[in-house]
All heavy atoms as atom14 arrays in JSON, in Angstrom:
{
  "sequence": "GAASEIAGVVAFLLSEDSSYMAGQVVSADGGA",
  "atom14_mask": [
    [1, 1, 1, 1, 0, 0, 0, 0, 0, 0, 0, 0, 0, 0],
    [1, 1, 1, 1, 1, 0, 0, 0, 0, 0, 0, 0, 0, 0],
    [1, 1, 1, 1, 1, 0, 0, 0, 0, 0, 0, 0, 0, 0],
    [1, 1, 1, 1, 1, 1, 0, 0, 0, 0, 0, 0, 0, 0],
    [1, 1, 1, 1, 1, 1, 1, 1, 1, 0, 0, 0, 0, 0],
    [1, 1, 1, 1, 1, 1, 1, 1, 0, 0, 0, 0, 0, 0],
    [1, 1, 1, 1, 1, 0, 0, 0, 0, 0, 0, 0, 0, 0],
    [1, 1, 1, 1, 0, 0, 0, 0, 0, 0, 0, 0, 0, 0],
    [1, 1, 1, 1, 1, 1, 1, 0, 0, 0, 0, 0, 0, 0],
    [1, 1, 1, 1, 1, 1, 1, 0, 0, 0, 0, 0, 0, 0],
    [1, 1, 1, 1, 1, 0, 0, 0, 0, 0, 0, 0, 0, 0],
    [1, 1, 1, 1, 1, 1, 1, 1, 1, 1, 1, 0, 0, 0],
    [1, 1, 1, 1, 1, 1, 1, 1, 0, 0, 0, 0, 0, 0],
    [1, 1, 1, 1, 1, 1, 1, 1, 0, 0, 0, 0, 0, 0],
    [1, 1, 1, 1, 1, 1, 0, 0, 0, 0, 0, 0, 0, 0],
    [1, 1, 1, 1, 1, 1, 1, 1, 1, 0, 0, 0, 0, 0],
    [1, 1, 1, 1, 1, 1, 1, 1, 0, 0, 0, 0, 0, 0],
    [1, 1, 1, 1, 1, 1, 0, 0, 0, 0, 0, 0, 0, 0],
    [1, 1, 1, 1, 1, 1, 0, 0, 0, 0, 0, 0, 0, 0],
    [1, 1, 1, 1, 1, 1, 1, 1, 1, 1, 1, 1, 0, 0],
    [1, 1, 1, 1, 1, 1, 1, 1, 0, 0, 0, 0, 0, 0],
    [1, 1, 1, 1, 1, 0, 0, 0, 0, 0, 0, 0, 0, 0],
    [1, 1, 1, 1, 0, 0, 0, 0, 0, 0, 0, 0, 0, 0],
    [1, 1, 1, 1, 1, 1, 1, 1, 1, 0, 0, 0, 0, 0],
    [1, 1, 1, 1, 1, 1, 1, 0, 0, 0, 0, 0, 0, 0],
    [1, 1, 1, 1, 1, 1, 1, 0, 0, 0, 0, 0, 0, 0],
    [1, 1, 1, 1, 1, 1, 0, 0, 0, 0, 0, 0, 0, 0],
    [1, 1, 1, 1, 1, 0, 0, 0, 0, 0, 0, 0, 0, 0],
    [1, 1, 1, 1, 1, 1, 1, 1, 0, 0, 0, 0, 0, 0],
    [1, 1, 1, 1, 0, 0, 0, 0, 0, 0, 0, 0, 0, 0],
    [1, 1, 1, 1, 0, 0, 0, 0, 0, 0, 0, 0, 0, 0],
    [1, 1, 1, 1, 1, 0, 0, 0, 0, 0, 0, 0, 0, 0]
  ],
  "atom14_positions": [
    [[0.82, -1.19, 0.0], [0.0, 0.01, 0.01], [0.86, 1.25, -0.01], [2.07, 1.21, 0.19], [0.0, 0.0, 0.0], [0.0, 0.0, 0.0], [0.0, 0.0, 0.0], [0.0, 0.0, 0.0], [0.0, 0.0, 0.0], [0.0, 0.0, 0.0], [0.0, 0.0, 0.0], [0.0, 0.0, 0.0], [0.0, 0.0, 0.0], [0.0, 0.0, 0.0]],
    [[0.2, 2.39, -0.19], [0.87, 3.68, -0.13], [0.32, 4.46, 1.06], [-0.84, 4.29, 1.45], [0.62, 4.47, -1.42], [0.0, 0.0, 0.0], [0.0, 0.0, 0.0], [0.0, 0.0, 0.0], [0.0, 0.0, 0.0], [0.0, 0.0, 0.0], [0.0, 0.0, 0.0], [0.0, 0.0, 0.0], [0.0, 0.0, 0.0], [0.0, 0.0, 0.0]],
    [[1.15, 5.31, 1.63], [0.73, 6.1, 2.79], [-0.5, 6.94, 2.47], [-1.37, 7.13, 3.31], [1.87, 6.99, 3.26], [0.0, 0.0, 0.0], [0.0, 0.0, 0.0], [0.0, 0.0, 0.0], [0.0, 0.0, 0.0], [0.0, 0.0, 0.0], [0.0, 0.0, 0.0], [0.0, 0.0, 0.0], [0.0, 0.0, 0.0], [0.0, 0.0, 0.0]],
    [[-0.59, 7.41, 1.22], [-1.73, 8.23, 0.84], [-3.03, 7.44, 0.88], [-4.11, 8.01, 1.13], [-1.52, 8.78, -0.57], [-1.36, 7.73, -1.51], [0.0, 0.0, 0.0], [0.0, 0.0, 0.0], [0.0, 0.0, 0.0], [0.0, 0.0, 0.0], [0.0, 0.0, 0.0], [0.0, 0.0, 0.0], [0.0, 0.0, 0.0], [0.0, 0.0, 0.0]],
    [[-2.95, 6.12, 0.67], [-4.15, 5.29, 0.72], [-4.67, 5.14, 2.15], [-5.88, 5.09, 2.39], [-3.88, 3.93, 0.1], [-3.63, 4.02, -1.41], [-3.27, 2.68, -2.03], [-2.25, 2.09, -1.61], [-4.0, 2.23, -2.93], [0.0, 0.0, 0.0], [0.0, 0.0, 0.0], [0.0, 0.0, 0.0], [0.0, 0.0, 0.0], [0.0, 0.0, 0.0]],
    [[-3.75, 5.08, 3.09], [-4.14, 5.03, 4.5], [-4.71, 6.38, 4.92], [-5.71, 6.46, 5.66], [-2.95, 4.65, 5.4], [-2.27, 3.38, 4.89], [-3.41, 4.48, 6.84], [-3.18, 2.19, 4.73], [0.0, 0.0, 0.0], [0.0, 0.0, 0.0], [0.0, 0.0, 0.0], [0.0, 0.0, 0.0], [0.0, 0.0, 0.0], [0.0, 0.0, 0.0]],
    [[-4.12, 7.45, 4.43], [-4.61, 8.79, 4.74], [-6.06, 8.97, 4.26], [-6.85, 9.67, 4.9], [-3.7, 9.85, 4.1], [0.0, 0.0, 0.0], [0.0, 0.0, 0.0], [0.0, 0.0, 0.0], [0.0, 0.0, 0.0], [0.0, 0.0, 0.0], [0.0, 0.0, 0.0], [0.0, 0.0, 0.0], [0.0, 0.0, 0.0], [0.0, 0.0, 0.0]],
    [[-6.39, 8.34, 3.13], [-7.77, 8.43, 2.64], [-8.76, 7.79, 3.6], [-9.87, 8.3, 3.81], [0.0, 0.0, 0.0], [0.0, 0.0, 0.0], [0.0, 0.0, 0.0], [0.0, 0.0, 0.0], [0.0, 0.0, 0.0], [0.0, 0.0, 0.0], [0.0, 0.0, 0.0], [0.0, 0.0, 0.0], [0.0, 0.0, 0.0], [0.0, 0.0, 0.0]],
    [[-8.35, 6.68, 4.22], [-9.2, 6.02, 5.21], [-9.34, 6.92, 6.45], [-10.44, 7.06, 7.01], [-8.66, 4.64, 5.59], [-9.51, 3.99, 6.66], [-8.58, 3.73, 4.36], [0.0, 0.0, 0.0], [0.0, 0.0, 0.0], [0.0, 0.0, 0.0], [0.0, 0.0, 0.0], [0.0, 0.0, 0.0], [0.0, 0.0, 0.0], [0.0, 0.0, 0.0]],
    [[-8.24, 7.51, 6.88], [-8.28, 8.4, 8.05], [-9.22, 9.57, 7.79], [-10.04, 9.92, 8.65], [-6.86, 8.91, 8.39], [-6.91, 10.0, 9.46], [-5.97, 7.75, 8.85], [0.0, 0.0, 0.0], [0.0, 0.0, 0.0], [0.0, 0.0, 0.0], [0.0, 0.0, 0.0], [0.0, 0.0, 0.0], [0.0, 0.0, 0.0], [0.0, 0.0, 0.0]],
    [[-9.12, 10.16, 6.61], [-9.99, 11.28, 6.28], [-11.46, 10.86, 6.3], [-12.32, 11.6, 6.8], [-9.62, 11.83, 4.9], [0.0, 0.0, 0.0], [0.0, 0.0, 0.0], [0.0, 0.0, 0.0], [0.0, 0.0, 0.0], [0.0, 0.0, 0.0], [0.0, 0.0, 0.0], [0.0, 0.0, 0.0], [0.0, 0.0, 0.0], [0.0, 0.0, 0.0]],
    [[-11.74, 9.67, 5.82], [-13.11, 9.16, 5.86], [-13.58, 9.0, 7.31], [-14.69, 9.4, 7.65], [-13.15, 7.81, 5.14], [-14.39, 7.0, 5.38], [-15.62, 7.4, 4.88], [-14.33, 5.84, 6.15], [-16.78, 6.66, 5.12], [-15.48, 5.1, 6.4], [-16.7, 5.5, 5.88], [0.0, 0.0, 0.0], [0.0, 0.0, 0.0], [0.0, 0.0, 0.0]],
    [[-12.74, 8.41, 8.15], [-13.14, 8.17, 9.54], [-13.35, 9.46, 10.32], [-14.2, 9.51, 11.21], [-12.08, 7.31, 10.24], [-11.97, 5.87, 9.75], [-10.82, 5.15, 10.44], [-13.26, 5.09, 9.96], [0.0, 0.0, 0.0], [0.0, 0.0, 0.0], [0.0, 0.0, 0.0], [0.0, 0.0, 0.0], [0.0, 0.0, 0.0], [0.0, 0.0, 0.0]],
    [[-12.58, 10.48, 10.0], [-12.74, 11.77, 10.69], [-13.88, 12.6, 10.14], [-14.37, 13.52, 10.83], [-11.44, 12.56, 10.64], [-10.26, 12.0, 11.43], [-9.03, 12.91, 11.25], [-10.6, 11.85, 12.91], [0.0, 0.0, 0.0], [0.0, 0.0, 0.0], [0.0, 0.0, 0.0], [0.0, 0.0, 0.0], [0.0, 0.0, 0.0], [0.0, 0.0, 0.0]],
    [[-14.33, 12.29, 8.95], [-15.37, 13.09, 8.31], [-16.75, 12.6, 8.7], [-16.93, 11.52, 9.28], [-15.21, 13.01, 6.79], [-15.71, 11.77, 6.3], [0.0, 0.0, 0.0], [0.0, 0.0, 0.0], [0.0, 0.0, 0.0], [0.0, 0.0, 0.0], [0.0, 0.0, 0.0], [0.0, 0.0, 0.0], [0.0, 0.0, 0.0], [0.0, 0.0, 0.0]],
    [[-17.75, 13.38, 8.34], [-19.15, 12.98, 8.59], [-19.61, 11.9, 7.6], [-20.73, 11.39, 7.73], [-20.05, 14.2, 8.54], [-19.85, 15.13, 9.72], [-19.92, 14.37, 11.06], [-20.98, 13.78, 11.34], [-18.92, 14.38, 11.82], [0.0, 0.0, 0.0], [0.0, 0.0, 0.0], [0.0, 0.0, 0.0], [0.0, 0.0, 0.0], [0.0, 0.0, 0.0]],
    [[-18.79, 11.53, 6.64], [-19.12, 10.41, 5.76], [-19.17, 9.1, 6.54], [-19.76, 8.13, 6.07], [-18.09, 10.3, 4.63], [-18.19, 11.45, 3.65], [-19.29, 12.04, 3.54], [-17.17, 11.78, 3.01], [0.0, 0.0, 0.0], [0.0, 0.0, 0.0], [0.0, 0.0, 0.0], [0.0, 0.0, 0.0], [0.0, 0.0, 0.0], [0.0, 0.0, 0.0]],
    [[-18.53, 9.07, 7.7], [-18.54, 7.86, 8.55], [-19.38, 8.09, 9.81], [-19.09, 7.51, 10.86], [-17.11, 7.49, 8.94], [-16.51, 8.51, 9.72], [0.0, 0.0, 0.0], [0.0, 0.0, 0.0], [0.0, 0.0, 0.0], [0.0, 0.0, 0.0], [0.0, 0.0, 0.0], [0.0, 0.0, 0.0], [0.0, 0.0, 0.0], [0.0, 0.0, 0.0]],
    [[-20.4, 8.91, 9.7], [-21.12, 9.41, 10.88], [-21.79, 8.32, 11.72], [-22.14, 8.58, 12.89], [-22.16, 10.45, 10.47], [-23.09, 9.89, 9.53], [0.0, 0.0, 0.0], [0.0, 0.0, 0.0], [0.0, 0.0, 0.0], [0.0, 0.0, 0.0], [0.0, 0.0, 0.0], [0.0, 0.0, 0.0], [0.0, 0.0, 0.0], [0.0, 0.0, 0.0]],
    [[-22.02, 7.13, 11.16], [-22.64, 6.07, 11.95], [-21.65, 4.97, 12.31], [-22.02, 3.83, 12.59], [-23.84, 5.47, 11.2], [-24.82, 4.73, 12.11], [-25.35, 5.36, 13.24], [-25.2, 3.43, 11.81], [-26.24, 4.69, 14.06], [-26.09, 2.76, 12.63], [-26.61, 3.38, 13.75], [-27.49, 2.7, 14.57], [0.0, 0.0, 0.0], [0.0, 0.0, 0.0]],
    [[-20.38, 5.32, 12.36], [-19.34, 4.37, 12.72], [-18.7, 4.79, 14.05], [-18.36, 5.94, 14.25], [-18.25, 4.31, 11.65], [-18.7, 3.68, 10.35], [-17.4, 3.7, 9.09], [-16.19, 2.61, 9.87], [0.0, 0.0, 0.0], [0.0, 0.0, 0.0], [0.0, 0.0, 0.0], [0.0, 0.0, 0.0], [0.0, 0.0, 0.0], [0.0, 0.0, 0.0]],
    [[-18.56, 3.82, 14.94], [-17.89, 4.05, 16.22], [-17.25, 2.75, 16.68], [-17.86, 1.68, 16.58], [-18.87, 4.55, 17.27], [0.0, 0.0, 0.0], [0.0, 0.0, 0.0], [0.0, 0.0, 0.0], [0.0, 0.0, 0.0], [0.0, 0.0, 0.0], [0.0, 0.0, 0.0], [0.0, 0.0, 0.0], [0.0, 0.0, 0.0], [0.0, 0.0, 0.0]],
    [[-16.01, 2.86, 17.15], [-15.32, 1.69, 17.68], [-14.88, 0.68, 16.63], [-14.52, -0.44, 16.96], [0.0, 0.0, 0.0], [0.0, 0.0, 0.0], [0.0, 0.0, 0.0], [0.0, 0.0, 0.0], [0.0, 0.0, 0.0], [0.0, 0.0, 0.0], [0.0, 0.0, 0.0], [0.0, 0.0, 0.0], [0.0, 0.0, 0.0], [0.0, 0.0, 0.0]],
    [[-14.88, 1.1, 15.37], [-14.48, 0.19, 14.29], [-13.0, 0.3, 13.99], [-12.42, 1.38, 14.07], [-15.3, 0.48, 13.03], [-16.79, 0.32, 13.24], [-17.15, -1.06, 13.76], [-16.86, -2.08, 13.12], [-17.77, -1.1, 14.94], [0.0, 0.0, 0.0], [0.0, 0.0, 0.0], [0.0, 0.0, 0.0], [0.0, 0.0, 0.0], [0.0, 0.0, 0.0]],
    [[-12.4, -0.81, 13.63], [-11.01, -0.82, 13.18], [-11.01, -1.29, 11.73], [-11.28, -2.46, 11.44], [-10.15, -1.75, 14.05], [-8.7, -1.74, 13.57], [-10.22, -1.34, 15.52], [0.0, 0.0, 0.0], [0.0, 0.0, 0.0], [0.0, 0.0, 0.0], [0.0, 0.0, 0.0], [0.0, 0.0, 0.0], [0.0, 0.0, 0.0], [0.0, 0.0, 0.0]],
    [[-10.79, -0.35, 10.83], [-10.92, -0.61, 9.4], [-9.59, -1.11, 8.84], [-8.58, -0.4, 8.89], [-11.35, 0.66, 8.66], [-11.51, 0.4, 7.16], [-12.67, 1.2, 9.23], [0.0, 0.0, 0.0], [0.0, 0.0, 0.0], [0.0, 0.0, 0.0], [0.0, 0.0, 0.0], [0.0, 0.0, 0.0], [0.0, 0.0, 0.0], [0.0, 0.0, 0.0]],
    [[-9.59, -2.3, 8.3], [-8.38, -2.87, 7.71], [-8.13, -2.23, 6.35], [-9.03, -2.17, 5.5], [-8.49, -4.38, 7.56], [-8.54, -5.02, 8.8], [0.0, 0.0, 0.0], [0.0, 0.0, 0.0], [0.0, 0.0, 0.0], [0.0, 0.0, 0.0], [0.0, 0.0, 0.0], [0.0, 0.0, 0.0], [0.0, 0.0, 0.0], [0.0, 0.0, 0.0]],
    [[-6.91, -1.74, 6.16], [-6.47, -1.22, 4.86], [-5.17, -1.95, 4.55], [-4.08, -1.42, 4.79], [-6.28, 0.29, 4.92], [0.0, 0.0, 0.0], [0.0, 0.0, 0.0], [0.0, 0.0, 0.0], [0.0, 0.0, 0.0], [0.0, 0.0, 0.0], [0.0, 0.0, 0.0], [0.0, 0.0, 0.0], [0.0, 0.0, 0.0], [0.0, 0.0, 0.0]],
    [[-5.29, -3.19, 4.09], [-4.14, -4.09, 4.05], [-4.05, -4.92, 2.77], [-3.41, -5.97, 2.75], [-4.2, -5.04, 5.26], [-5.47, -5.88, 5.3], [-6.24, -5.85, 4.32], [-5.7, -6.56, 6.32], [0.0, 0.0, 0.0], [0.0, 0.0, 0.0], [0.0, 0.0, 0.0], [0.0, 0.0, 0.0], [0.0, 0.0, 0.0], [0.0, 0.0, 0.0]],
    [[-4.73, -4.46, 1.73], [-4.69, -5.2, 0.48], [-5.44, -6.52, 0.56], [-5.32, -7.38, -0.33], [0.0, 0.0, 0.0], [0.0, 0.0, 0.0], [0.0, 0.0, 0.0], [0.0, 0.0, 0.0], [0.0, 0.0, 0.0], [0.0, 0.0, 0.0], [0.0, 0.0, 0.0], [0.0, 0.0, 0.0], [0.0, 0.0, 0.0], [0.0, 0.0, 0.0]],
    [[-6.21, -6.7, 1.61], [-6.96, -7.94, 1.8], [-6.22, -8.99, 2.61], [-6.71, -10.11, 2.74], [0.0, 0.0, 0.0], [0.0, 0.0, 0.0], [0.0, 0.0, 0.0], [0.0, 0.0, 0.0], [0.0, 0.0, 0.0], [0.0, 0.0, 0.0], [0.0, 0.0, 0.0], [0.0, 0.0, 0.0], [0.0, 0.0, 0.0], [0.0, 0.0, 0.0]],
    [[-5.09, -8.64, 3.19], [-4.24, -9.63, 3.87], [-4.99, -10.38, 4.97], [-4.82, -11.59, 5.13], [-3.01, -8.95, 4.46], [0.0, 0.0, 0.0], [0.0, 0.0, 0.0], [0.0, 0.0, 0.0], [0.0, 0.0, 0.0], [0.0, 0.0, 0.0], [0.0, 0.0, 0.0], [0.0, 0.0, 0.0], [0.0, 0.0, 0.0], [0.0, 0.0, 0.0]]
  ]
}
């Protein structure tokens, strides 16, 4: 992966696009 791809997930989690998510750990690992 690239650091920018992880940053995209962080931006999603901090934004209101993820407004109904709490306590989740989102894997960004190429499916590993």
